[in-house]
Amino acid sequence: MSNKAAVIHEKGTPDVFRWEEWPVGEPGPGEVLIRHGAIGVNYIDTYNRRGMPHPWPVPPLPLVLGIEGAGTVEAVGEGVTECAVGDRVTYASPPHGAYAQRRVMPAKRLVRLPDSISDEDAAGITLKGLTAQFLLRRTYRVQPGDPVLVHAAAGGMGLILCQWAKHLGATVIGTVSTDEKAELAKAHGADHVAIYSREDFVPLVMEVTDGKGCPVVYESIGKDTFTRSLDCLRPLGFLACYGHASGAPDPVDVVELGARGSLFVTRPALMHYMEEREDLVAAAQELFGVVSSGAVTITVRNRYPLREVAEVHRAIEERRTTGSTVLLPFA
């Protein structure tokens, strides 16, 4: 069976990707073989390509990156009860291997897709949507009237957070880098937007919150915004650092957290929140529910053939994309 993949033999720039044959075996016990319809691209993929630290393990070289995809089950191994041949499924977790036309995946990490969600839409929302679910519902449970700060509000993750937070009754404050992205964020639930490339977002937060600050900041930029994000929190507030696009922030002084108002800082990861299958299934059902209701729209704005993944990584790292990006393995 022919199976092409974007393979890397060394860590580095986007030029390390090679379009070549990659072996795919038969599924073993508890595993399934998936024919991908679409593959999700996420900023953490660039961390792994460069060799940056991340909570999710990366296999040794040569390797196929990618932890998000959607497609059809072509074969199942012994003991699989979670899905059957012909089912459409999606996933957003290790092991790596999504940047391929086909792959073997543990069945317990898969969720079945409703007919209303296409493979492309699923690949554009599964990881981001499940992440938004635990950030908004578990890391800090957003309540009606809460002011929340969302960094990179026009990105694929940011657009979902803005919409879902607004659906929960929050007042959403976003940060973006351009006027165009500001309009996009506002169209997806952001009530107030700061363009951080030319203005400080802290005064906007304090104006919106009458000087009290936010109970939660969703921090995905890292080093460039970390300290100012702390400035946006009210006492007992949560800084949810789920990404670090500008680099890892400096070490946290726990004494300073106390002086600022007994603040909480956490580095939440999907792999821990969805470790138990019942949590994964429940989160996916809630995600599919808000999508089906129209409260959260899927914003797949960029589609590329899988063979062009190097250009995709360049565009993401240069912040030329908005919304979600998917790869088409057979295009």
Protein backbone atom coordinates (compact mmCIF):
# COMPACT_ATOMS: atom_id res chain seq x y z
CA MET A 1 0.00 0.00 0.00
CA SER A 2 1.48 3.33 -1.08
CA ASN A 3 1.61 5.89 1.69
CA LYS A 4 3.22 9.28 1.16
CA ALA A 5 4.17 11.49 4.10
CA ALA A 6 6.00 14.71 4.95
CA VAL A 7 9.07 13.26 6.71
CA ILE A 8 11.81 15.08 8.59
CA HIS A 9 15.27 13.60 9.03
CA GLU A 10 16.64 16.50 11.09
CA LYS A 11 15.27 19.33 13.24
CA GLY A 12 15.37 22.85 11.86
CA THR A 13 13.71 25.25 9.42
CA PRO A 14 10.63 24.34 7.35
CA ASP A 15 12.99 23.16 4.61
CA VAL A 16 13.63 19.93 6.54
CA PHE A 17 10.37 18.38 5.27
CA ARG A 18 10.72 15.68 2.59
CA TRP A 19 7.78 14.27 0.58
CA GLU A 20 8.44 10.53 0.45
CA GLU A 21 7.11 7.05 1.03
CA TRP A 22 6.50 6.16 4.68
CA PRO A 23 5.65 2.66 5.89
CA VAL A 24 2.23 2.03 7.39
CA GLY A 25 1.57 -1.35 8.94
CA GLU A 26 -1.55 -3.24 9.91
CA PRO A 27 -3.25 -2.14 13.13
CA GLY A 28 -2.36 -4.15 16.21
CA PRO A 29 -4.53 -4.82 19.27
CA GLY A 30 -6.43 -1.67 20.24
CA GLU A 31 -5.38 0.16 17.06
CA VAL A 32 -7.02 1.29 13.83
CA LEU A 33 -5.78 2.22 10.36
CA ILE A 34 -7.06 5.63 9.20
CA ARG A 35 -7.13 7.05 5.68
CA HIS A 36 -6.85 10.77 6.27
CA GLY A 37 -9.29 13.14 4.62
CA ALA A 38 -7.63 16.19 6.19
CA ILE A 39 -4.83 16.96 8.63
CA GLY A 40 -4.67 19.77 11.16
CA VAL A 41 -1.69 22.10 11.46
CA ASN A 42 -0.99 23.70 14.82
CA TYR A 43 1.64 26.06 16.17
CA ILE A 44 2.99 23.33 18.42
CA ASP A 45 3.99 21.45 15.25
CA THR A 46 6.53 24.18 14.61
CA TYR A 47 7.95 23.73 18.12
CA ASN A 48 8.44 20.03 17.43
CA ARG A 49 9.98 20.63 14.01
CA ARG A 50 12.50 23.03 15.58
CA GLY A 51 13.17 20.82 18.60
CA MET A 52 11.70 23.23 21.16
CA PRO A 53 10.53 21.82 24.52
CA HIS A 54 6.90 20.71 24.72
CA PRO A 55 4.93 18.43 27.07
CA TRP A 56 4.05 15.99 24.28
CA PRO A 57 6.78 13.45 23.45
CA VAL A 58 8.31 13.43 19.97
CA PRO A 59 9.69 10.16 18.53
CA PRO A 60 13.28 9.86 17.31
CA LEU A 61 14.33 10.85 13.78
CA PRO A 62 13.35 10.26 11.06
CA LEU A 63 9.77 11.04 11.96
CA VAL A 64 6.40 12.22 10.73
CA LEU A 65 5.02 15.11 12.76
CA GLY A 66 1.39 15.98 13.42
CA ILE A 67 -1.09 15.13 16.15
CA GLU A 68 -4.41 16.10 14.55
CA GLY A 69 -6.34 14.53 11.72
CA ALA A 70 -9.69 13.29 10.48
CA GLY A 71 -10.64 10.53 8.10
CA THR A 72 -12.14 7.09 7.63
CA VAL A 73 -11.30 3.87 9.45
CA GLU A 74 -9.97 1.32 6.93
CA ALA A 75 -9.05 -1.51 9.32
CA VAL A 76 -9.28 -2.30 13.03
CA GLY A 77 -7.10 -4.40 15.27
CA GLU A 78 -8.10 -6.98 17.83
CA GLY A 79 -10.28 -5.78 20.70
CA VAL A 80 -11.30 -2.44 19.20
CA THR A 81 -14.76 -1.35 20.33
CA GLU A 82 -14.53 2.42 20.01
CA CYS A 83 -15.10 2.45 16.23
CA ALA A 84 -15.57 0.21 13.20
CA VAL A 85 -14.44 0.03 9.57
CA GLY A 86 -16.12 2.82 7.62
CA ASP A 87 -16.57 5.15 10.60
CA ARG A 88 -15.46 8.74 10.21
CA VAL A 89 -13.26 9.76 13.12
CA THR A 90 -11.08 12.60 14.35
CA TYR A 91 -8.24 12.91 16.87
CA ALA A 92 -5.96 15.50 18.44
CA SER A 93 -3.29 13.80 20.51
CA PRO A 94 -0.02 11.88 20.26
CA PRO A 95 1.43 9.69 18.96
CA HIS A 96 2.82 11.83 16.15
CA GLY A 97 2.27 10.75 12.56
CA ALA A 98 -0.59 12.85 11.18
CA TYR A 99 1.40 14.38 8.28
CA ALA A 100 0.74 11.27 6.18
CA GLN A 101 -1.90 9.92 3.86
CA ARG A 102 -2.56 6.99 6.19
CA ARG A 103 -1.56 6.13 9.72
CA VAL A 104 -2.19 3.69 12.57
CA MET A 105 -3.66 5.25 15.71
CA PRO A 106 -4.79 3.96 19.15
CA ALA A 107 -8.56 3.59 19.01
CA LYS A 108 -9.01 5.04 22.50
CA ARG A 109 -7.75 8.43 21.25
CA LEU A 110 -10.38 8.67 18.50
CA VAL A 111 -13.87 10.16 18.57
CA ARG A 112 -16.53 9.56 15.95
CA LEU A 113 -17.59 12.50 13.83
CA PRO A 114 -21.20 13.57 13.33
CA ASP A 115 -22.34 13.73 9.70
CA SER A 116 -22.67 17.51 10.00
CA ILE A 117 -18.90 18.03 10.37
CA SER A 118 -16.63 17.37 7.37
CA ASP A 119 -13.11 15.96 7.58
CA GLU A 120 -11.66 19.38 6.74
CA ASP A 121 -13.69 21.14 9.40
CA ALA A 122 -12.82 18.45 11.96
CA ALA A 123 -9.10 18.76 11.20
CA GLY A 124 -9.44 22.51 11.67
CA ILE A 125 -11.21 22.41 15.01
CA THR A 126 -10.55 19.20 16.97
CA LEU A 127 -7.34 20.17 18.77
CA LYS A 128 -8.23 23.84 19.09
CA GLY A 129 -11.81 23.07 20.06
CA LEU A 130 -10.90 20.49 22.70
CA THR A 131 -8.27 22.88 24.05
CA ALA A 132 -10.84 25.68 24.20
CA GLN A 133 -13.22 23.34 26.00
CA PHE A 134 -10.86 22.59 28.88
CA LEU A 135 -9.55 26.16 29.07
CA LEU A 136 -13.04 27.65 29.30
CA ARG A 137 -14.77 24.90 31.26
CA ARG A 138 -12.10 23.32 33.46
CA THR A 139 -8.87 25.35 33.82
CA TYR A 140 -11.04 28.33 34.71
CA ARG A 141 -14.80 27.87 34.42
CA VAL A 142 -15.99 31.04 32.70
CA GLN A 143 -19.15 32.55 34.17
CA PRO A 144 -21.62 35.02 32.63
CA GLY A 145 -20.27 38.56 33.00
CA ASP A 146 -16.62 37.53 33.37
CA PRO A 147 -14.17 39.74 31.49
CA VAL A 148 -11.57 37.51 29.83
CA LEU A 149 -8.40 38.35 27.87
CA VAL A 150 -7.57 36.27 24.79
CA HIS A 151 -4.19 36.77 23.13
CA ALA A 152 -3.76 36.13 19.38
CA ALA A 153 -7.52 36.51 19.10
CA ALA A 154 -7.60 36.22 15.30
CA GLY A 155 -5.70 32.93 15.14
CA GLY A 156 -7.40 29.58 14.79
CA MET A 157 -7.36 29.03 18.53
CA GLY A 158 -8.22 32.63 19.36
CA LEU A 159 -11.30 32.72 17.15
CA ILE A 160 -12.72 29.64 18.87
CA LEU A 161 -11.96 30.99 22.34
CA CYS A 162 -13.59 34.33 21.52
CA GLN A 163 -16.77 32.75 20.16
CA TRP A 164 -17.16 30.19 22.91
CA ALA A 165 -16.38 32.65 25.70
CA LYS A 166 -18.93 35.06 24.25
CA HIS A 167 -21.47 32.20 24.09
CA LEU A 168 -20.85 31.61 27.82
CA GLY A 169 -21.70 35.25 28.55
CA ALA A 170 -18.18 36.64 28.97
CA THR A 171 -16.96 40.08 27.97
CA VAL A 172 -14.15 39.22 25.57
CA ILE A 173 -11.01 41.35 25.23
CA GLY A 174 -8.65 40.29 22.46
CA THR A 175 -5.16 41.19 21.30
CA VAL A 176 -4.09 41.06 17.65
CA SER A 177 -1.26 42.41 15.49
CA THR A 178 -3.12 44.21 12.66
CA ASP A 179 -6.29 46.18 11.94
CA GLU A 180 -7.50 43.40 9.64
CA LYS A 181 -7.13 40.84 12.42
CA ALA A 182 -8.92 43.18 14.81
CA GLU A 183 -11.98 43.21 12.55
CA LEU A 184 -11.86 39.43 12.27
CA ALA A 185 -11.71 39.00 16.05
CA LYS A 186 -14.63 41.39 16.53
CA ALA A 187 -16.66 39.43 13.99
CA HIS A 188 -16.08 36.31 16.10
CA GLY A 189 -17.09 37.54 19.53
CA ALA A 190 -14.41 39.94 20.75
CA ASP A 191 -16.02 42.96 22.38
CA HIS A 192 -12.79 44.96 22.67
CA VAL A 193 -9.51 44.55 20.76
CA ALA A 194 -6.02 45.92 21.34
CA ILE A 195 -3.51 45.95 18.47
CA TYR A 196 -0.43 45.00 20.46
CA SER A 197 1.98 45.93 17.67
CA ARG A 198 1.29 49.59 18.38
CA GLU A 199 -0.47 49.84 21.76
CA ASP A 200 -0.29 48.39 25.26
CA PHE A 201 -3.21 46.10 26.01
CA VAL A 202 -3.11 46.57 29.80
CA PRO A 203 -4.82 50.01 29.78
CA LEU A 204 -7.66 48.62 27.65
CA VAL A 205 -8.16 45.74 30.09
CA MET A 206 -8.23 48.12 33.05
CA GLU A 207 -10.66 50.44 31.28
CA VAL A 208 -13.05 47.60 30.43
CA THR A 209 -12.87 46.09 33.94
CA ASP A 210 -13.04 49.40 35.86
CA GLY A 211 -9.52 48.81 37.12
CA LYS A 212 -10.27 45.38 38.62
CA GLY A 213 -8.58 43.17 36.03
CA CYS A 214 -9.67 39.85 34.55
CA PRO A 215 -10.27 36.59 36.41
CA VAL A 216 -8.45 34.75 33.60
CA VAL A 217 -5.99 35.49 30.80
CA TYR A 218 -5.55 32.99 27.97
CA GLU A 219 -1.85 33.41 27.21
CA SER A 220 -0.43 31.90 24.01
CA ILE A 221 2.31 34.36 23.08
CA GLY A 222 4.72 33.77 25.98
CA LYS A 223 7.86 35.77 26.58
CA ASP A 224 6.72 39.01 24.89
CA THR A 225 3.46 39.31 26.83
CA PHE A 226 3.79 37.18 29.97
CA THR A 227 4.52 39.93 32.51
CA ARG A 228 1.92 42.29 31.07
CA SER A 229 -0.60 39.46 31.18
CA LEU A 230 0.01 39.18 34.91
CA ASP A 231 -0.72 42.91 35.10
CA CYS A 232 -4.18 42.20 33.67
CA LEU A 233 -5.27 39.80 36.41
CA ARG A 234 -7.42 40.56 39.41
CA PRO A 235 -6.57 38.96 42.78
CA LEU A 236 -6.95 35.16 42.67
CA GLY A 237 -6.83 35.36 38.86
CA PHE A 238 -5.64 32.57 36.54
CA LEU A 239 -2.93 32.92 33.90
CA ALA A 240 -3.49 29.97 31.56
CA CYS A 241 -0.27 29.73 29.52
CA TYR A 242 -1.20 27.23 26.84
CA GLY A 243 1.40 28.35 24.28
CA HIS A 244 4.57 30.43 23.85
CA ALA A 245 4.80 31.62 20.23
CA SER A 246 7.40 34.29 21.09
CA GLY A 247 9.46 31.93 23.24
CA ALA A 248 9.20 30.54 26.74
CA PRO A 249 8.58 33.18 29.43
CA ASP A 250 11.10 33.90 32.13
CA PRO A 251 10.91 31.84 35.34
CA VAL A 252 8.05 32.73 37.67
CA ASP A 253 8.79 34.30 41.04
CA VAL A 254 6.23 32.71 43.37
CA VAL A 255 6.70 35.51 45.90
CA GLU A 256 5.69 38.00 43.23
CA LEU A 257 2.55 35.97 42.53
CA GLY A 258 1.58 36.44 46.15
CA ALA A 259 2.32 40.14 46.09
CA ARG A 260 0.21 40.58 42.97
CA GLY A 261 -2.84 39.07 44.65
CA SER A 262 -2.38 35.32 45.17
CA LEU A 263 -2.36 34.66 41.43
CA PHE A 264 -2.42 31.23 39.77
CA VAL A 265 -0.17 30.38 36.82
CA THR A 266 -0.65 27.11 34.97
CA ARG A 267 0.72 25.46 31.81
CA PRO A 268 -2.28 23.30 30.83
CA ALA A 269 -1.92 20.60 28.15
CA LEU A 270 -4.58 18.68 26.30
CA MET A 271 -2.85 15.36 26.90
CA HIS A 272 -3.44 15.69 30.65
CA TYR A 273 -7.00 17.01 30.51
CA MET A 274 -8.04 14.28 28.04
CA GLU A 275 -6.02 11.39 29.47
CA GLU A 276 -9.18 9.54 30.51
CA ARG A 277 -11.36 8.49 27.58
CA GLU A 278 -14.55 9.61 29.30
CA ASP A 279 -13.14 13.15 29.55
CA LEU A 280 -12.18 13.09 25.86
CA VAL A 281 -15.61 11.89 24.74
CA ALA A 282 -17.45 14.35 26.98
CA ALA A 283 -15.33 17.27 25.76
CA ALA A 284 -15.83 16.26 22.13
CA GLN A 285 -19.59 16.03 22.60
CA GLU A 286 -19.67 19.51 24.12
CA LEU A 287 -17.50 20.85 21.27
CA PHE A 288 -19.65 19.26 18.57
CA GLY A 289 -22.71 20.62 20.38
CA VAL A 290 -21.61 24.27 20.28
CA VAL A 291 -20.56 23.86 16.64
CA SER A 292 -23.87 22.26 15.65
CA SER A 293 -25.80 25.01 17.44
CA GLY A 294 -23.91 27.70 15.54
CA ALA A 295 -22.44 29.23 18.70
CA VAL A 296 -18.95 28.40 17.41
CA THR A 297 -18.26 28.50 13.68
CA ILE A 298 -15.38 26.57 12.16
CA THR A 299 -12.91 28.95 10.51
CA VAL A 300 -10.80 26.85 8.14
CA ARG A 301 -9.34 29.72 6.11
CA ASN A 302 -6.25 28.00 4.69
CA ARG A 303 -6.07 24.72 2.74
CA TYR A 304 -2.84 23.33 1.30
CA PRO A 305 -1.75 20.02 -0.24
CA LEU A 306 0.20 18.01 2.33
CA ARG A 307 3.25 18.09 0.07
CA GLU A 308 3.40 21.90 0.63
CA VAL A 309 3.67 21.68 4.41
CA ALA A 310 6.98 23.60 4.45
CA GLU A 311 5.22 26.70 3.08
CA VAL A 312 2.46 26.23 5.65
CA HIS A 313 4.95 26.26 8.52
CA ARG A 314 6.58 29.41 7.12
CA ALA A 315 3.22 31.18 6.89
CA ILE A 316 2.28 30.23 10.46
CA GLU A 317 5.60 31.28 11.94
CA GLU A 318 5.47 34.59 10.06
CA ARG A 319 1.92 35.16 11.35
CA ARG A 320 0.51 35.37 7.83
CA THR A 321 -2.46 33.13 8.63
CA THR A 322 -5.78 33.66 10.36
CA GLY A 323 -8.22 30.99 11.41
CA SER A 324 -7.37 27.31 11.04
CA THR A 325 -5.09 25.65 8.48
CA VAL A 326 -5.52 22.14 7.14
CA LEU A 327 -3.48 19.89 4.88
CA LEU A 328 -5.04 17.75 2.16
CA PRO A 329 -3.13 14.47 1.90
CA PHE A 330 -4.33 13.38 -1.55
CA ALA A 331 -4.41 16.78 -3.27
